[in-house]
N, C-alpha and C. Protein backbone atom coordinates (compact mmCIF):
# COMPACT_ATOMS: atom_id res chain seq x y z
N MET A 1 2.98 6.27 -11.86
CA MET A 1 2.10 7.00 -11.28
C MET A 1 0.69 6.73 -12.07
N LEU A 2 -0.38 6.52 -11.11
CA LEU A 2 -1.58 6.33 -11.62
C LEU A 2 -2.08 7.67 -12.44
N SER A 3 -3.05 7.51 -13.51
CA SER A 3 -3.60 8.57 -14.11
C SER A 3 -4.96 8.80 -13.83
N ALA A 4 -5.84 9.81 -14.14
CA ALA A 4 -7.29 10.12 -14.07
C ALA A 4 -7.92 8.78 -14.39
N ALA A 5 -7.50 8.24 -15.55
CA ALA A 5 -8.01 7.03 -16.29
C ALA A 5 -8.13 5.65 -15.53
N ASP A 6 -7.12 5.77 -14.61
CA ASP A 6 -7.05 4.54 -13.69
C ASP A 6 -7.91 4.71 -12.39
N GLY A 7 -8.59 5.99 -12.33
CA GLY A 7 -9.51 6.46 -11.28
C GLY A 7 -8.67 7.07 -10.26
N PRO A 8 -9.02 7.20 -8.90
CA PRO A 8 -8.54 8.07 -8.06
C PRO A 8 -6.88 8.40 -8.38
N LEU A 9 -6.47 9.65 -8.02
CA LEU A 9 -5.21 10.06 -8.32
C LEU A 9 -4.63 10.42 -7.08
N ASN A 10 -3.50 10.16 -6.97
CA ASN A 10 -2.31 10.33 -5.84
C ASN A 10 -1.74 11.46 -5.91
N LEU A 11 -1.56 12.12 -4.58
CA LEU A 11 -0.83 13.38 -4.34
C LEU A 11 0.61 12.81 -3.73
N GLU A 12 1.77 13.60 -4.39
CA GLU A 12 2.99 12.87 -4.40
C GLU A 12 3.83 13.90 -3.35
N ALA A 13 4.60 13.41 -2.61
CA ALA A 13 5.75 14.10 -1.49
C ALA A 13 6.90 13.25 -1.79
N ALA A 14 7.84 13.82 -1.76
CA ALA A 14 9.21 13.05 -1.96
C ALA A 14 9.39 12.32 -0.65
N ALA A 15 9.91 10.83 -0.97
CA ALA A 15 10.11 9.85 0.00
C ALA A 15 11.42 10.24 0.68
N ASP A 16 11.63 9.95 1.92
CA ASP A 16 12.83 10.08 2.79
C ASP A 16 13.82 9.05 2.54
N GLY A 17 14.69 9.17 1.54
CA GLY A 17 15.43 8.13 1.15
C GLY A 17 14.94 6.56 1.36
N PRO A 18 15.72 5.72 1.56
CA PRO A 18 15.13 4.42 1.67
C PRO A 18 14.63 3.99 3.06
N ALA A 19 13.62 4.70 3.41
CA ALA A 19 13.00 4.45 4.76
C ALA A 19 12.38 3.17 4.85
N PRO A 20 12.52 2.55 6.01
CA PRO A 20 12.33 1.19 6.32
C PRO A 20 10.60 1.06 6.10
N VAL A 21 9.73 1.84 6.33
CA VAL A 21 8.58 2.04 6.20
C VAL A 21 7.85 3.15 5.30
N GLU A 22 7.22 3.16 4.50
CA GLU A 22 6.70 4.23 3.40
C GLU A 22 5.06 3.92 3.37
N ASP A 23 4.53 5.20 3.36
CA ASP A 23 3.22 5.27 3.35
C ASP A 23 2.78 6.16 2.35
N CYS A 24 1.56 5.88 1.66
CA CYS A 24 0.92 6.85 0.63
C CYS A 24 -0.36 6.94 0.54
N VAL A 25 -0.92 7.94 0.37
CA VAL A 25 -2.52 7.96 0.32
C VAL A 25 -3.04 8.26 -0.81
N LEU A 26 -3.82 7.56 -1.37
CA LEU A 26 -4.48 7.74 -2.95
C LEU A 26 -5.65 8.62 -2.37
N THR A 27 -5.88 9.67 -3.18
CA THR A 27 -7.32 10.38 -3.00
C THR A 27 -8.01 10.40 -4.14
N ASP A 28 -9.38 10.93 -4.40
CA ASP A 28 -10.13 11.01 -5.54
C ASP A 28 -9.67 12.59 -6.09
N ASP A 29 -10.69 12.75 -6.89
CA ASP A 29 -10.39 14.23 -7.65
C ASP A 29 -10.60 15.13 -6.80
N ALA A 30 -11.64 14.96 -5.47
CA ALA A 30 -11.98 16.09 -4.65
C ALA A 30 -11.20 16.19 -3.41
N GLY A 31 -10.08 15.12 -3.50
CA GLY A 31 -9.18 15.16 -2.21
C GLY A 31 -9.67 14.32 -1.14
N ASN A 32 -10.58 13.58 -1.28
CA ASN A 32 -11.11 12.45 -0.31
C ASN A 32 -10.05 11.31 -0.44
N ARG A 33 -9.63 10.93 1.02
CA ARG A 33 -8.72 9.80 1.17
C ARG A 33 -9.53 8.42 0.91
N LEU A 34 -8.96 7.93 -0.18
CA LEU A 34 -9.60 6.43 -0.53
C LEU A 34 -9.00 5.30 -0.02
N PHE A 35 -7.50 5.06 -0.26
CA PHE A 35 -6.66 4.10 0.28
C PHE A 35 -5.38 4.47 0.78
N GLN A 36 -4.94 3.66 1.67
CA GLN A 36 -3.37 3.67 2.10
C GLN A 36 -2.58 2.64 1.58
N LEU A 37 -1.36 2.96 0.76
CA LEU A 37 -0.58 1.98 0.45
C LEU A 37 0.78 2.03 1.26
N SER A 38 1.27 0.94 1.56
CA SER A 38 2.56 0.84 2.62
C SER A 38 3.33 0.09 1.94
N ALA A 39 4.65 0.05 2.63
CA ALA A 39 5.90 -0.64 2.17
C ALA A 39 6.58 -0.89 3.23
N TYR A 40 6.97 -1.93 3.68
CA TYR A 40 7.80 -2.45 4.90
C TYR A 40 9.05 -3.37 4.40
N TYR A 41 10.04 -2.66 5.06
CA TYR A 41 11.38 -3.65 4.72
C TYR A 41 11.83 -4.02 6.05
N GLY A 42 12.93 -4.85 5.78
CA GLY A 42 13.79 -5.22 6.92
C GLY A 42 12.70 -6.13 8.29
N PRO A 43 13.16 -5.57 9.48
CA PRO A 43 12.28 -6.19 10.61
C PRO A 43 11.03 -5.63 10.42
N TYR A 44 10.49 -4.57 9.94
CA TYR A 44 9.21 -4.02 9.83
C TYR A 44 8.25 -4.98 9.10
N VAL A 45 8.63 -5.60 8.16
CA VAL A 45 7.75 -6.51 7.67
C VAL A 45 7.25 -7.21 8.92
N LYS A 46 7.95 -8.12 9.80
CA LYS A 46 7.45 -8.84 10.83
C LYS A 46 6.36 -8.18 11.87
N ALA A 47 6.99 -6.74 11.87
CA ALA A 47 5.99 -5.88 12.61
C ALA A 47 4.67 -5.82 12.07
N ALA A 48 4.75 -5.57 10.97
CA ALA A 48 3.41 -5.24 10.15
C ALA A 48 2.35 -6.36 9.96
N ARG A 49 2.95 -7.58 10.08
CA ARG A 49 2.21 -8.79 9.68
C ARG A 49 0.98 -9.02 10.47
N PRO A 50 1.08 -8.91 12.02
CA PRO A 50 -0.02 -9.40 12.85
C PRO A 50 -1.39 -8.77 12.39
N GLU A 51 -1.56 -7.35 12.33
CA GLU A 51 -2.70 -6.86 12.08
C GLU A 51 -2.86 -5.57 11.28
N THR A 52 -3.84 -5.31 10.35
CA THR A 52 -4.05 -4.36 9.69
C THR A 52 -4.94 -3.61 10.29
N VAL A 53 -5.04 -2.11 9.79
CA VAL A 53 -5.97 -1.04 10.40
C VAL A 53 -7.51 -1.73 10.57
N ARG A 54 -7.73 -2.70 9.57
CA ARG A 54 -9.21 -3.26 9.43
C ARG A 54 -9.17 -4.61 10.22
N GLY A 55 -8.28 -4.79 11.05
CA GLY A 55 -8.31 -6.15 12.07
C GLY A 55 -7.86 -7.18 11.22
N LYS A 56 -7.48 -7.59 9.97
CA LYS A 56 -7.06 -8.55 9.20
C LYS A 56 -5.82 -8.94 9.19
N ARG A 57 -5.04 -9.82 9.01
CA ARG A 57 -3.68 -9.99 8.93
C ARG A 57 -3.13 -10.04 7.67
N TYR A 58 -2.00 -9.80 7.56
CA TYR A 58 -0.96 -9.78 6.38
C TYR A 58 -0.37 -11.43 6.34
N LEU A 59 -0.66 -12.04 5.50
CA LEU A 59 0.13 -13.42 5.49
C LEU A 59 1.22 -13.33 4.54
N THR A 60 1.91 -14.42 4.12
CA THR A 60 2.85 -14.67 3.29
C THR A 60 2.28 -14.27 1.89
N GLY A 61 3.28 -14.30 1.09
CA GLY A 61 2.73 -14.36 -0.15
C GLY A 61 2.05 -12.97 -0.74
N ALA A 62 0.63 -13.38 -1.47
CA ALA A 62 0.04 -12.33 -1.85
C ALA A 62 -1.30 -12.75 -1.52
N GLY A 63 -2.31 -11.84 -1.48
CA GLY A 63 -3.65 -12.12 -1.13
C GLY A 63 -4.36 -10.92 -0.64
N GLY A 64 -5.52 -11.25 -0.14
CA GLY A 64 -6.48 -10.00 0.06
C GLY A 64 -7.83 -10.09 0.01
N THR A 65 -8.66 -9.42 0.67
CA THR A 65 -10.19 -9.37 0.23
C THR A 65 -10.68 -8.36 1.29
N ASP A 66 -11.95 -7.85 0.97
CA ASP A 66 -12.66 -6.96 1.76
C ASP A 66 -11.80 -5.55 2.02
N GLY A 67 -11.23 -5.21 1.21
CA GLY A 67 -10.44 -3.82 1.47
C GLY A 67 -9.05 -3.87 2.01
N VAL A 68 -8.54 -4.95 1.95
CA VAL A 68 -7.02 -5.19 2.36
C VAL A 68 -6.29 -6.19 1.36
N TYR A 69 -5.46 -5.59 0.65
CA TYR A 69 -4.69 -6.48 0.04
C TYR A 69 -3.15 -6.22 0.07
N TRP A 70 -2.48 -7.18 -0.10
CA TRP A 70 -1.00 -7.16 0.05
C TRP A 70 -0.21 -8.10 -1.01
N THR A 71 1.12 -7.78 -1.17
CA THR A 71 2.02 -8.74 -1.78
C THR A 71 3.44 -8.75 -1.08
N THR A 72 4.26 -9.64 -1.21
CA THR A 72 5.57 -9.60 -0.92
C THR A 72 6.65 -10.01 -2.04
N ALA A 73 7.70 -9.38 -1.64
CA ALA A 73 8.88 -9.73 -2.33
C ALA A 73 10.27 -10.08 -1.85
N ALA A 74 10.94 -11.12 -2.52
CA ALA A 74 12.02 -11.43 -1.94
C ALA A 74 13.08 -10.43 -1.82
N CYS A 75 14.01 -10.16 -1.04
CA CYS A 75 15.21 -9.22 -1.24
C CYS A 75 16.35 -9.76 -0.48
N PRO A 76 17.44 -9.19 -1.02
CA PRO A 76 18.58 -9.83 -0.45
C PRO A 76 18.96 -9.89 1.00
N ASP A 77 18.22 -9.05 1.91
CA ASP A 77 18.19 -9.19 3.27
C ASP A 77 16.89 -9.58 3.77
N GLY A 78 16.08 -10.18 3.05
CA GLY A 78 14.81 -10.85 3.70
C GLY A 78 13.61 -10.73 2.66
N GLU A 79 12.67 -10.01 3.19
CA GLU A 79 11.36 -9.90 2.59
C GLU A 79 10.87 -8.38 2.66
N ALA A 80 10.09 -8.18 1.58
CA ALA A 80 9.53 -6.54 1.45
C ALA A 80 8.03 -6.95 1.70
N LEU A 81 7.13 -6.28 2.31
CA LEU A 81 5.69 -6.44 2.37
C LEU A 81 5.34 -5.02 1.81
N TYR A 82 4.23 -5.31 0.81
CA TYR A 82 3.55 -4.01 0.33
C TYR A 82 2.05 -4.16 0.44
N ALA A 83 1.36 -3.24 0.89
CA ALA A 83 -0.11 -3.46 1.09
C ALA A 83 -0.91 -2.28 0.63
N VAL A 84 -2.06 -2.48 0.62
CA VAL A 84 -3.21 -1.34 0.35
C VAL A 84 -4.40 -1.75 1.14
N GLU A 85 -4.80 -0.73 1.95
CA GLU A 85 -6.04 -0.76 2.65
C GLU A 85 -6.99 0.47 2.37
N THR A 86 -8.26 0.46 2.43
CA THR A 86 -9.25 1.33 2.39
C THR A 86 -9.12 2.13 3.70
N VAL A 87 -9.39 3.63 3.64
CA VAL A 87 -9.23 4.24 5.00
C VAL A 87 -10.56 4.58 5.63
N ARG A 88 -10.68 4.96 6.59
CA ARG A 88 -11.79 5.19 7.35
C ARG A 88 -12.20 6.62 6.93
N ASP A 89 -13.55 6.86 6.79
CA ASP A 89 -14.13 8.11 6.46
C ASP A 89 -14.72 8.69 7.86
N GLU A 90 -14.03 9.45 8.18
CA GLU A 90 -14.53 10.18 9.60
C GLU A 90 -15.74 10.52 9.57
N GLU A 91 -16.15 11.21 8.66
CA GLU A 91 -17.52 12.01 8.50
C GLU A 91 -18.52 10.73 8.64
N ALA A 92 -18.55 9.86 7.80
CA ALA A 92 -19.46 8.88 7.85
C ALA A 92 -19.38 7.73 8.63
N GLY A 93 -18.16 7.60 9.63
CA GLY A 93 -18.11 6.66 10.52
C GLY A 93 -17.93 5.17 10.01
N ALA A 94 -17.07 5.08 8.81
CA ALA A 94 -17.10 3.55 8.38
C ALA A 94 -16.09 3.77 7.33
N PHE A 95 -15.52 2.66 7.19
CA PHE A 95 -14.51 2.59 5.83
C PHE A 95 -14.74 2.77 4.66
N ARG A 96 -14.12 3.38 3.80
CA ARG A 96 -14.51 3.56 2.37
C ARG A 96 -14.67 2.34 1.65
N PRO A 97 -15.45 2.13 0.57
CA PRO A 97 -15.77 0.91 0.05
C PRO A 97 -14.49 0.38 -0.58
N ALA A 98 -14.27 -1.00 -0.77
CA ALA A 98 -13.48 -1.41 -1.53
C ALA A 98 -13.36 -1.49 -2.79
N ASP A 99 -12.38 -1.16 -3.59
CA ASP A 99 -12.37 -1.11 -5.01
C ASP A 99 -11.31 -2.38 -5.41
N PRO A 100 -11.58 -3.65 -5.54
CA PRO A 100 -10.65 -4.71 -5.61
C PRO A 100 -9.68 -4.46 -7.01
N LYS A 101 -10.40 -4.02 -7.94
CA LYS A 101 -9.44 -3.97 -9.12
C LYS A 101 -8.33 -2.67 -8.93
N LEU A 102 -8.77 -1.54 -8.40
CA LEU A 102 -7.86 -0.67 -8.23
C LEU A 102 -6.96 -0.86 -7.12
N GLN A 103 -7.39 -1.44 -6.25
CA GLN A 103 -6.44 -1.96 -5.05
C GLN A 103 -5.46 -2.82 -5.04
N GLN A 104 -5.87 -3.77 -6.48
CA GLN A 104 -4.84 -4.60 -6.56
C GLN A 104 -3.68 -4.13 -7.87
N ALA A 105 -4.31 -2.95 -8.25
CA ALA A 105 -3.32 -2.46 -9.36
C ALA A 105 -2.60 -1.26 -8.86
N ALA A 106 -2.82 -0.55 -7.90
CA ALA A 106 -2.20 0.49 -7.40
C ALA A 106 -0.97 0.08 -6.68
N PRO A 107 -0.83 -1.03 -6.14
CA PRO A 107 0.36 -1.16 -5.58
C PRO A 107 1.64 -1.59 -6.33
N LYS A 108 1.23 -2.07 -7.55
CA LYS A 108 2.30 -2.39 -8.44
C LYS A 108 3.21 -1.14 -8.85
N THR A 109 2.43 -0.13 -9.03
CA THR A 109 3.43 1.31 -9.08
C THR A 109 3.87 1.48 -8.09
N PHE A 110 3.57 1.79 -6.81
CA PHE A 110 3.80 2.03 -5.47
C PHE A 110 5.10 0.97 -5.29
N ALA A 111 4.82 -0.05 -5.31
CA ALA A 111 5.82 -1.08 -5.07
C ALA A 111 7.37 -1.10 -5.66
N ALA A 112 7.14 -0.79 -7.19
CA ALA A 112 8.10 -0.51 -8.15
C ALA A 112 8.86 0.67 -7.83
N ASN A 113 8.32 1.57 -7.45
CA ASN A 113 8.93 2.92 -7.21
C ASN A 113 9.70 2.83 -6.01
N SER A 114 9.01 2.05 -4.74
CA SER A 114 9.66 1.97 -3.33
C SER A 114 10.73 0.95 -3.44
N ALA A 115 10.71 -0.15 -4.27
CA ALA A 115 11.77 -0.99 -4.38
C ALA A 115 12.83 -0.39 -5.11
N GLN A 116 12.73 0.49 -6.00
CA GLN A 116 13.60 1.08 -6.55
C GLN A 116 14.55 2.18 -5.65
N ARG A 117 13.67 2.92 -4.73
CA ARG A 117 14.42 3.82 -3.94
C ARG A 117 15.22 3.10 -2.94
N HIS A 118 14.83 1.52 -2.81
CA HIS A 118 15.48 0.75 -1.71
C HIS A 118 16.78 -0.01 -2.50
N GLY A 119 16.86 0.26 -3.84
CA GLY A 119 17.92 -0.65 -4.28
C GLY A 119 17.48 -1.91 -4.70
N ARG A 120 16.22 -2.32 -4.86
CA ARG A 120 15.82 -3.71 -4.88
C ARG A 120 15.08 -3.76 -6.52
N PRO A 121 14.87 -4.92 -6.74
CA PRO A 121 14.38 -5.41 -7.91
C PRO A 121 12.86 -5.16 -7.59
N ALA A 122 11.98 -4.58 -8.57
CA ALA A 122 10.67 -4.42 -8.56
C ALA A 122 10.01 -5.97 -8.47
N PRO A 123 8.82 -5.74 -7.43
CA PRO A 123 8.28 -6.93 -7.37
C PRO A 123 7.41 -7.54 -8.46
């Protein structure tokens, strides 16, 4: 879990077992949504690849820029995809600013926890 020293805090809810798609939203101290983290397993990896919310594509391996970052991990039954994207601020009518340092660090904890729920090694 991230701490206040890491930047925005996340609000947690129990995951529903080894769901094939998991989403988590990171918020700041005021509860403003900043980023969405997602995990995809099985056939959902292929379904997730074509396009992100921001119109970018998740490619193989790891990478990203401009508010969209992802990494993949090998699994016994295929591949897992972990992604983080900035979210749209509806009041401002624009996406939240990217925070590359936090967006590249946050998926590590999320992916490790998600992989553990799915009985897979941490990426």
